[in-house]
């Protein structure tokens, strides 16, 4: 998920990885490639089939401090952000040319209005 201002400045960038995590021989952080290297699932973080998964990203809106009527207050630098969400399938764990994009959506987030991603 990437959030950019209307002039293209990136204010937030984060990602979440969904995959079963079978460590090689049940140890270490390297993923075993075949059933002969997997002794069991240590942690399940995959996307289950036919089930909706919700993810929440919280990021601070860019602001600056200004003085109004003798009081120091915060004021938004940008009222709008462009939010881009991509869901990739990366079969070998790295972006090496075999990845496939499943879903991509971009929306304009306006702080002046109520906003819900659907």
Protein backbone atom coordinates (compact mmCIF):
# COMPACT_ATOMS: atom_id res chain seq x y z
CA UNK A 1 0.00 0.00 0.00
CA UNK A 2 1.40 3.36 -1.02
CA UNK A 3 0.03 6.81 -0.16
CA UNK A 4 1.17 9.81 -2.20
CA UNK A 5 0.29 13.48 -2.13
CA UNK A 6 -1.32 15.03 -5.19
CA UNK A 7 2.09 16.28 -6.33
CA UNK A 8 3.62 12.74 -6.18
CA UNK A 9 5.48 12.80 -2.85
CA UNK A 10 5.32 9.43 -1.05
CA UNK A 11 4.16 9.90 2.55
CA UNK A 12 3.60 6.22 3.43
CA UNK A 13 4.67 2.88 1.98
CA UNK A 14 4.14 -0.51 3.63
CA UNK A 15 3.53 -4.11 2.64
CA UNK A 16 2.15 -7.29 4.17
CA UNK A 17 3.26 -10.78 3.12
CA UNK A 18 0.71 -13.60 3.09
CA UNK A 19 2.26 -17.05 2.81
CA UNK A 20 2.62 -20.28 4.71
CA UNK A 21 5.92 -20.18 6.53
CA UNK A 22 7.40 -23.66 6.48
CA UNK A 23 10.97 -23.23 7.58
CA UNK A 24 13.56 -25.49 6.06
CA UNK A 25 13.51 -28.62 8.25
CA UNK A 26 11.43 -26.60 10.73
CA UNK A 27 14.34 -24.29 11.51
CA UNK A 28 15.55 -20.94 10.28
CA UNK A 29 13.90 -18.28 8.13
CA UNK A 30 14.55 -19.89 4.74
CA UNK A 31 11.52 -21.44 3.13
CA UNK A 32 11.73 -25.05 2.06
CA UNK A 33 10.82 -25.55 -1.60
CA UNK A 34 9.49 -29.10 -1.52
CA UNK A 35 7.74 -31.52 0.82
CA UNK A 36 11.05 -33.24 1.52
CA UNK A 37 12.32 -30.01 3.19
CA UNK A 38 9.17 -29.18 5.17
CA UNK A 39 8.70 -30.81 8.52
CA UNK A 40 5.60 -28.82 9.43
CA UNK A 41 4.00 -25.41 9.31
CA UNK A 42 5.39 -23.15 11.98
CA UNK A 43 3.19 -20.16 11.26
CA UNK A 44 0.20 -19.77 8.96
CA UNK A 45 -0.06 -16.37 7.26
CA UNK A 46 -1.60 -17.33 3.93
CA UNK A 47 -4.78 -16.08 2.31
CA UNK A 48 -7.47 -18.72 2.86
CA UNK A 49 -9.58 -19.57 -0.20
CA UNK A 50 -13.04 -17.99 -0.48
CA UNK A 51 -12.55 -15.96 2.69
CA UNK A 52 -12.37 -12.18 2.82
CA UNK A 53 -9.30 -10.84 4.61
CA UNK A 54 -9.27 -7.30 5.99
CA UNK A 55 -6.02 -5.42 6.52
CA UNK A 56 -5.64 -2.08 8.31
CA UNK A 57 -2.91 0.44 7.57
CA UNK A 58 -2.60 3.46 9.84
CA UNK A 59 -0.40 6.35 8.81
CA UNK A 60 -0.12 9.96 9.95
CA UNK A 61 -1.40 12.65 7.65
CA UNK A 62 1.32 15.17 6.78
CA UNK A 63 0.90 18.35 8.81
CA UNK A 64 2.83 21.42 9.95
CA UNK A 65 2.61 23.66 12.98
CA UNK A 66 1.29 27.18 12.43
CA UNK A 67 0.42 30.06 14.74
CA UNK A 68 -3.16 31.34 14.52
CA UNK A 69 -4.56 33.96 16.89
CA UNK A 70 -1.51 33.58 19.09
CA UNK A 71 -1.98 29.81 19.51
CA UNK A 72 0.17 27.10 18.01
CA UNK A 73 -1.97 24.61 16.07
CA UNK A 74 -1.37 21.90 13.51
CA UNK A 75 -2.56 22.33 9.94
CA UNK A 76 -2.72 19.74 7.18
CA UNK A 77 -0.20 20.22 4.41
CA UNK A 78 -2.35 18.29 1.91
CA UNK A 79 -6.08 17.62 2.17
CA UNK A 80 -5.96 14.81 -0.40
CA UNK A 81 -3.84 11.69 -0.81
CA UNK A 82 -3.76 9.13 -3.61
CA UNK A 83 -3.76 5.61 -2.13
CA UNK A 84 -2.63 2.69 -4.30
CA UNK A 85 -3.20 -0.94 -3.23
CA UNK A 86 -1.66 -3.90 -5.08
CA UNK A 87 -2.02 -7.62 -4.42
CA UNK A 88 0.81 -9.66 -5.98
CA UNK A 89 1.43 -13.37 -6.36
CA UNK A 90 5.16 -13.92 -6.02
CA UNK A 91 5.83 -17.67 -6.43
CA UNK A 92 9.53 -17.70 -5.55
CA UNK A 93 9.58 -14.99 -2.86
CA UNK A 94 11.32 -12.29 -4.93
CA UNK A 95 10.26 -10.00 -7.74
CA UNK A 96 12.28 -11.80 -10.40
CA UNK A 97 9.95 -11.70 -13.41
CA UNK A 98 7.60 -14.52 -12.38
CA UNK A 99 5.30 -12.40 -10.22
CA UNK A 100 1.66 -11.85 -11.20
CA UNK A 101 -0.54 -8.98 -10.09
CA UNK A 102 -3.97 -10.19 -8.88
CA UNK A 103 -5.57 -6.93 -7.84
CA UNK A 104 -4.77 -3.24 -8.11
CA UNK A 105 -6.87 -0.25 -7.09
CA UNK A 106 -6.17 3.44 -6.63
CA UNK A 107 -8.42 5.85 -4.79
CA UNK A 108 -8.26 9.46 -3.75
CA UNK A 109 -8.46 9.93 0.02
CA UNK A 110 -9.95 13.27 0.99
CA UNK A 111 -9.82 14.22 4.66
CA UNK A 112 -12.74 16.61 4.25
CA UNK A 113 -15.14 13.73 3.53
CA UNK A 114 -15.87 10.41 5.20
CA UNK A 115 -13.94 7.66 3.44
CA UNK A 116 -14.25 3.87 3.53
CA UNK A 117 -12.33 1.52 1.22
CA UNK A 118 -14.64 -0.98 -0.49
